[in-house]
PDB file of N, CA and C in Angstrom:
ATOM      1  N   MET A   1      19.117  52.821   5.071  1.00  0.00           N
ATOM      2  CA  MET A   1      17.791  53.342   5.379  1.00  0.00           C
ATOM      3  C   MET A   1      16.809  52.917   4.299  1.00  0.00           C
ATOM      4  N   ASP A   2      15.579  52.798   4.685  1.00  0.00           N
ATOM      5  CA  ASP A   2      14.533  52.411   3.760  1.00  0.00           C
ATOM      6  C   ASP A   2      14.263  53.536   2.764  1.00  0.00           C
ATOM      7  N   SER A   3      14.062  53.175   1.508  1.00  0.00           N
ATOM      8  CA  SER A   3      13.861  54.200   0.474  1.00  0.00           C
ATOM      9  C   SER A   3      12.558  54.974   0.693  1.00  0.00           C
ATOM     10  N   ASN A   4      11.539  54.321   1.278  1.00  0.00           N
ATOM     11  CA  ASN A   4      10.299  55.034   1.579  1.00  0.00           C
ATOM     12  C   ASN A   4      10.518  56.094   2.653  1.00  0.00           C
ATOM     13  N   ARG A   5      11.353  55.767   3.620  1.00  0.00           N
ATOM     14  CA  ARG A   5      11.655  56.730   4.681  1.00  0.00           C
ATOM     15  C   ARG A   5      12.418  57.926   4.123  1.00  0.00           C
ATOM     16  N   ILE A   6      13.360  57.675   3.235  1.00  0.00           N
ATOM     17  CA  ILE A   6      14.115  58.754   2.593  1.00  0.00           C
ATOM     18  C   ILE A   6      13.179  59.625   1.760  1.00  0.00           C
ATOM     19  N   ALA A   7      12.255  58.994   1.051  1.00  0.00           N
ATOM     20  CA  ALA A   7      11.302  59.757   0.238  1.00  0.00           C
ATOM     21  C   ALA A   7      10.444  60.660   1.112  1.00  0.00           C
ATOM     22  N   MET A   8      10.021  60.163   2.265  1.00  0.00           N
ATOM     23  CA  MET A   8       9.217  60.973   3.181  1.00  0.00           C
ATOM     24  C   MET A   8      10.024  62.159   3.716  1.00  0.00           C
ATOM     25  N   ILE A   9      11.265  61.911   4.087  1.00  0.00           N
ATOM     26  CA  ILE A   9      12.140  62.980   4.582  1.00  0.00           C
ATOM     27  C   ILE A   9      12.357  64.019   3.493  1.00  0.00           C
ATOM     28  N   ARG A  10      12.568  63.564   2.253  1.00  0.00           N
ATOM     29  CA  ARG A  10      12.756  64.495   1.133  1.00  0.00           C
ATOM     30  C   ARG A  10      11.516  65.338   0.898  1.00  0.00           C
ATOM     31  N   GLN A  11      10.342  64.735   0.998  1.00  0.00           N
ATOM     32  CA  GLN A  11       9.104  65.491   0.814  1.00  0.00           C
ATOM     33  C   GLN A  11       8.930  66.552   1.890  1.00  0.00           C
ATOM     34  N   ILE A  12       9.267  66.212   3.122  1.00  0.00           N
ATOM     35  CA  ILE A  12       9.169  67.179   4.223  1.00  0.00           C
ATOM     36  C   ILE A  12      10.147  68.326   4.002  1.00  0.00           C
ATOM     37  N   LEU A  13      11.372  68.004   3.599  1.00  0.00           N
ATOM     38  CA  LEU A  13      12.357  69.049   3.326  1.00  0.00           C
ATOM     39  C   LEU A  13      11.921  69.941   2.169  1.00  0.00           C
ATOM     40  N   ASN A  14      11.322  69.352   1.131  1.00  0.00           N
ATOM     41  CA  ASN A  14      10.811  70.140   0.017  1.00  0.00           C
ATOM     42  C   ASN A  14       9.680  71.051   0.453  1.00  0.00           C
ATOM     43  N   LEU A  15       8.805  70.545   1.322  1.00  0.00           N
ATOM     44  CA  LEU A  15       7.709  71.367   1.834  1.00  0.00           C
ATOM     45  C   LEU A  15       8.242  72.552   2.630  1.00  0.00           C
ATOM     46  N   ILE A  16       9.223  72.309   3.484  1.00  0.00           N
ATOM     47  CA  ILE A  16       9.837  73.394   4.253  1.00  0.00           C
ATOM     48  C   ILE A  16      10.463  74.420   3.320  1.00  0.00           C
ATOM     49  N   PHE A  17      11.147  73.936   2.284  1.00  0.00           N
ATOM     50  CA  PHE A  17      11.762  74.840   1.313  1.00  0.00           C
ATOM     51  C   PHE A  17      10.724  75.709   0.611  1.00  0.00           C
ATOM     52  N   MET A  18       9.659  75.080   0.121  1.00  0.00           N
ATOM     53  CA  MET A  18       8.656  75.833  -0.635  1.00  0.00           C
ATOM     54  C   MET A  18       7.938  76.863   0.233  1.00  0.00           C
ATOM     55  N   VAL A  19       7.550  76.470   1.439  1.00  0.00           N
ATOM     56  CA  VAL A  19       6.877  77.412   2.339  1.00  0.00           C
ATOM     57  C   VAL A  19       7.822  78.547   2.711  1.00  0.00           C
ATOM     58  N   GLY A  20       9.053  78.219   3.022  1.00  0.00           N
ATOM     59  CA  GLY A  20      10.035  79.246   3.367  1.00  0.00           C
ATOM     60  C   GLY A  20      10.312  80.204   2.220  1.00  0.00           C
ATOM     61  N   ALA A  21      10.394  79.654   1.011  1.00  0.00           N
ATOM     62  CA  ALA A  21      10.657  80.508  -0.150  1.00  0.00           C
ATOM     63  C   ALA A  21       9.502  81.470  -0.399  1.00  0.00           C
ATOM     64  N   VAL A  22       8.269  80.983  -0.292  1.00  0.00           N
ATOM     65  CA  VAL A  22       7.108  81.851  -0.492  1.00  0.00           C
ATOM     66  C   VAL A  22       7.053  82.930   0.584  1.00  0.00           C
ATOM     67  N   ILE A  23       7.270  82.544   1.830  1.00  0.00           N
ATOM     68  CA  ILE A  23       7.271  83.528   2.914  1.00  0.00           C
ATOM     69  C   ILE A  23       8.400  84.529   2.710  1.00  0.00           C
ATOM     70  N   GLY A  24       9.565  84.051   2.303  1.00  0.00           N
ATOM     71  CA  GLY A  24      10.695  84.947   2.068  1.00  0.00           C
ATOM     72  C   GLY A  24      10.422  85.960   0.970  1.00  0.00           C
ATOM     73  N   VAL A  25       9.791  85.510  -0.116  1.00  0.00           N
ATOM     74  CA  VAL A  25       9.469  86.432  -1.212  1.00  0.00           C
ATOM     75  C   VAL A  25       8.440  87.463  -0.756  1.00  0.00           C
ATOM     76  N   LEU A  26       7.443  87.000  -0.007  1.00  0.00           N
ATOM     77  CA  LEU A  26       6.435  87.949   0.495  1.00  0.00           C
ATOM     78  C   LEU A  26       7.057  88.981   1.423  1.00  0.00           C
ATOM     79  N   VAL A  27       7.916  88.543   2.318  1.00  0.00           N
ATOM     80  CA  VAL A  27       8.590  89.483   3.225  1.00  0.00           C
ATOM     81  C   VAL A  27       9.485  90.422   2.427  1.00  0.00           C
ATOM     82  N   TYR A  28      10.171  89.884   1.435  1.00  0.00           N
ATOM     83  CA  TYR A  28      11.071  90.691   0.614  1.00  0.00           C
ATOM     84  C   TYR A  28      10.325  91.828  -0.073  1.00  0.00           C
ATOM     85  N   PHE A  29       9.176  91.510  -0.675  1.00  0.00           N
ATOM     86  CA  PHE A  29       8.461  92.526  -1.447  1.00  0.00           C
ATOM     87  C   PHE A  29       7.586  93.442  -0.600  1.00  0.00           C
ATOM     88  N   TYR A  30       7.059  92.941   0.522  1.00  0.00           N
ATOM     89  CA  TYR A  30       6.098  93.726   1.285  1.00  0.00           C
ATOM     90  C   TYR A  30       6.633  94.284   2.594  1.00  0.00           C
ATOM     91  N   SER A  31       7.836  93.896   2.986  1.00  0.00           N
ATOM     92  CA  SER A  31       8.338  94.377   4.272  1.00  0.00           C
ATOM     93  C   SER A  31       9.798  94.806   4.159  1.00  0.00           C
ATOM     94  N   ASN A  32      10.689  93.919   4.551  1.00  0.00           N
ATOM     95  CA  ASN A  32      12.098  94.251   4.656  1.00  0.00           C
ATOM     96  C   ASN A  32      12.906  93.392   3.684  1.00  0.00           C
ATOM     97  N   HIS A  33      13.694  94.032   2.834  1.00  0.00           N
ATOM     98  CA  HIS A  33      14.483  93.299   1.835  1.00  0.00           C
ATOM     99  C   HIS A  33      15.522  92.390   2.492  1.00  0.00           C
ATOM    100  N   ASP A  34      16.198  92.876   3.516  1.00  0.00           N
ATOM    101  CA  ASP A  34      17.239  92.060   4.158  1.00  0.00           C
ATOM    102  C   ASP A  34      16.648  90.819   4.816  1.00  0.00           C
ATOM    103  N   THR A  35      15.576  90.988   5.558  1.00  0.00           N
ATOM    104  CA  THR A  35      14.953  89.850   6.236  1.00  0.00           C
ATOM    105  C   THR A  35      14.435  88.838   5.225  1.00  0.00           C
ATOM    106  N   GLY A  36      13.820  89.299   4.150  1.00  0.00           N
ATOM    107  CA  GLY A  36      13.339  88.403   3.112  1.00  0.00           C
ATOM    108  C   GLY A  36      14.463  87.599   2.489  1.00  0.00           C
ATOM    109  N   THR A  37      15.591  88.258   2.260  1.00  0.00           N
ATOM    110  CA  THR A  37      16.755  87.571   1.699  1.00  0.00           C
ATOM    111  C   THR A  37      17.260  86.490   2.644  1.00  0.00           C
ATOM    112  N   TYR A  38      17.308  86.777   3.938  1.00  0.00           N
ATOM    113  CA  TYR A  38      17.776  85.788   4.913  1.00  0.00           C
ATOM    114  C   TYR A  38      16.829  84.594   4.986  1.00  0.00           C
ATOM    115  N   ILE A  39      15.530  84.849   4.905  1.00  0.00           N
ATOM    116  CA  ILE A  39      14.559  83.750   4.937  1.00  0.00           C
ATOM    117  C   ILE A  39      14.728  82.868   3.704  1.00  0.00           C
ATOM    118  N   ILE A  40      14.907  83.473   2.548  1.00  0.00           N
ATOM    119  CA  ILE A  40      15.101  82.700   1.316  1.00  0.00           C
ATOM    120  C   ILE A  40      16.394  81.885   1.393  1.00  0.00           C
ATOM    121  N   LEU A  41      17.456  82.484   1.895  1.00  0.00           N
ATOM    122  CA  LEU A  41      18.723  81.749   2.025  1.00  0.00           C
ATOM    123  C   LEU A  41      18.594  80.579   2.987  1.00  0.00           C
ATOM    124  N   ALA A  42      17.857  80.761   4.074  1.00  0.00           N
ATOM    125  CA  ALA A  42      17.638  79.660   5.014  1.00  0.00           C
ATOM    126  C   ALA A  42      16.834  78.542   4.348  1.00  0.00           C
ATOM    127  N   SER A  43      15.892  78.906   3.494  1.00  0.00           N
ATOM    128  CA  SER A  43      15.108  77.907   2.771  1.00  0.00           C
ATOM    129  C   SER A  43      15.982  77.116   1.815  1.00  0.00           C
ATOM    130  N   ILE A  44      16.924  77.773   1.195  1.00  0.00           N
ATOM    131  CA  ILE A  44      17.820  77.106   0.248  1.00  0.00           C
ATOM    132  C   ILE A  44      18.661  76.043   0.950  1.00  0.00           C
ATOM    133  N   VAL A  45      18.980  76.255   2.217  1.00  0.00           N
ATOM    134  CA  VAL A  45      19.733  75.254   2.975  1.00  0.00           C
ATOM    135  C   VAL A  45      18.949  73.935   3.026  1.00  0.00           C
ATOM    136  N   PHE A  46      17.625  74.029   3.241  1.00  0.00           N
ATOM    137  CA  PHE A  46      16.804  72.821   3.262  1.00  0.00           C
ATOM    138  C   PHE A  46      16.790  72.144   1.890  1.00  0.00           C
ATOM    139  N   LYS A  47      16.784  72.924   0.832  1.00  0.00           N
ATOM    140  CA  LYS A  47      16.808  72.354  -0.517  1.00  0.00           C
ATOM    141  C   LYS A  47      18.144  71.665  -0.799  1.00  0.00           C
ATOM    142  N   ILE A  48      19.232  72.231  -0.322  1.00  0.00           N
ATOM    143  CA  ILE A  48      20.542  71.605  -0.500  1.00  0.00           C
ATOM    144  C   ILE A  48      20.602  70.265   0.230  1.00  0.00           C
ATOM    145  N   ILE A  49      20.042  70.208   1.429  1.00  0.00           N
ATOM    146  CA  ILE A  49      20.004  68.952   2.181  1.00  0.00           C
ATOM    147  C   ILE A  49      19.180  67.914   1.424  1.00  0.00           C
ATOM    148  N   GLU A  50      18.038  68.351   0.873  1.00  0.00           N
ATOM    149  CA  GLU A  50      17.196  67.436   0.102  1.00  0.00           C
ATOM    150  C   GLU A  50      17.940  66.914  -1.123  1.00  0.00           C
ATOM    151  N   CYS A  51      18.658  67.768  -1.809  1.00  0.00           N
ATOM    152  CA  CYS A  51      19.433  67.345  -2.983  1.00  0.00           C
ATOM    153  C   CYS A  51      20.531  66.368  -2.594  1.00  0.00           C
ATOM    154  N   ALA A  52      21.158  66.599  -1.468  1.00  0.00           N
ATOM    155  CA  ALA A  52      22.200  65.676  -1.005  1.00  0.00           C
ATOM    156  C   ALA A  52      21.609  64.296  -0.726  1.00  0.00           C
ATOM    157  N   LEU A  53      20.418  64.262  -0.121  1.00  0.00           N
ATOM    158  CA  LEU A  53      19.776  62.970   0.130  1.00  0.00           C
ATOM    159  C   LEU A  53      19.420  62.269  -1.182  1.00  0.00           C
ATOM    160  N   ARG A  54      19.055  63.039  -2.179  1.00  0.00           N
ATOM    161  CA  ARG A  54      18.706  62.462  -3.475  1.00  0.00           C
ATOM    162  C   ARG A  54      19.940  61.859  -4.148  1.00  0.00           C
ATOM    163  N   LEU A  55      21.078  62.493  -3.978  1.00  0.00           N
ATOM    164  CA  LEU A  55      22.279  62.041  -4.668  1.00  0.00           C
ATOM    165  C   LEU A  55      22.993  60.887  -3.980  1.00  0.00           C
ATOM    166  N   ILE A  56      22.791  60.756  -2.677  1.00  0.00           N
ATOM    167  CA  ILE A  56      23.454  59.685  -1.923  1.00  0.00           C
ATOM    168  C   ILE A  56      22.807  58.353  -2.287  1.00  0.00           C
ATOM    169  N   LYS A  57      23.627  57.382  -2.562  1.00  0.00           N
ATOM    170  CA  LYS A  57      23.137  56.039  -2.855  1.00  0.00           C
ATOM    171  C   LYS A  57      23.044  55.259  -1.546  1.00  0.00           C
ATOM    172  N   TRP A  58      21.833  54.944  -1.136  1.00  0.00           N
ATOM    173  CA  TRP A  58      21.632  54.221   0.123  1.00  0.00           C
ATOM    174  C   TRP A  58      21.714  52.725  -0.108  1.00  0.00           C
ATOM    175  N   LYS A  59      22.444  52.057   0.786  1.00  0.00           N
ATOM    176  CA  LYS A  59      22.545  50.601   0.725  1.00  0.00           C
ATOM    177  C   LYS A  59      21.524  50.015   1.696  1.00  0.00           C
ATOM    178  N   ASP A  60      20.697  49.091   1.205  1.00  0.00           N
ATOM    179  CA  ASP A  60      19.681  48.487   2.069  1.00  0.00           C
ATOM    180  C   ASP A  60      20.237  47.314   2.832  1.00  0.00           C
TER     181      ASP A  60
END
């Protein structure tokens, strides 16, 4: 895969992670602790995927 394409995918995954984490923290503090925790955990899944893409060595 092209390195520019991987960079774009990583940026999108990072954006999803950051938005999800902020929403999760807001829900955690202002609404329901359990729901906020689940939202944050779901966001972490996107961050793990992004880290995996960063660590994989792509052959062009």
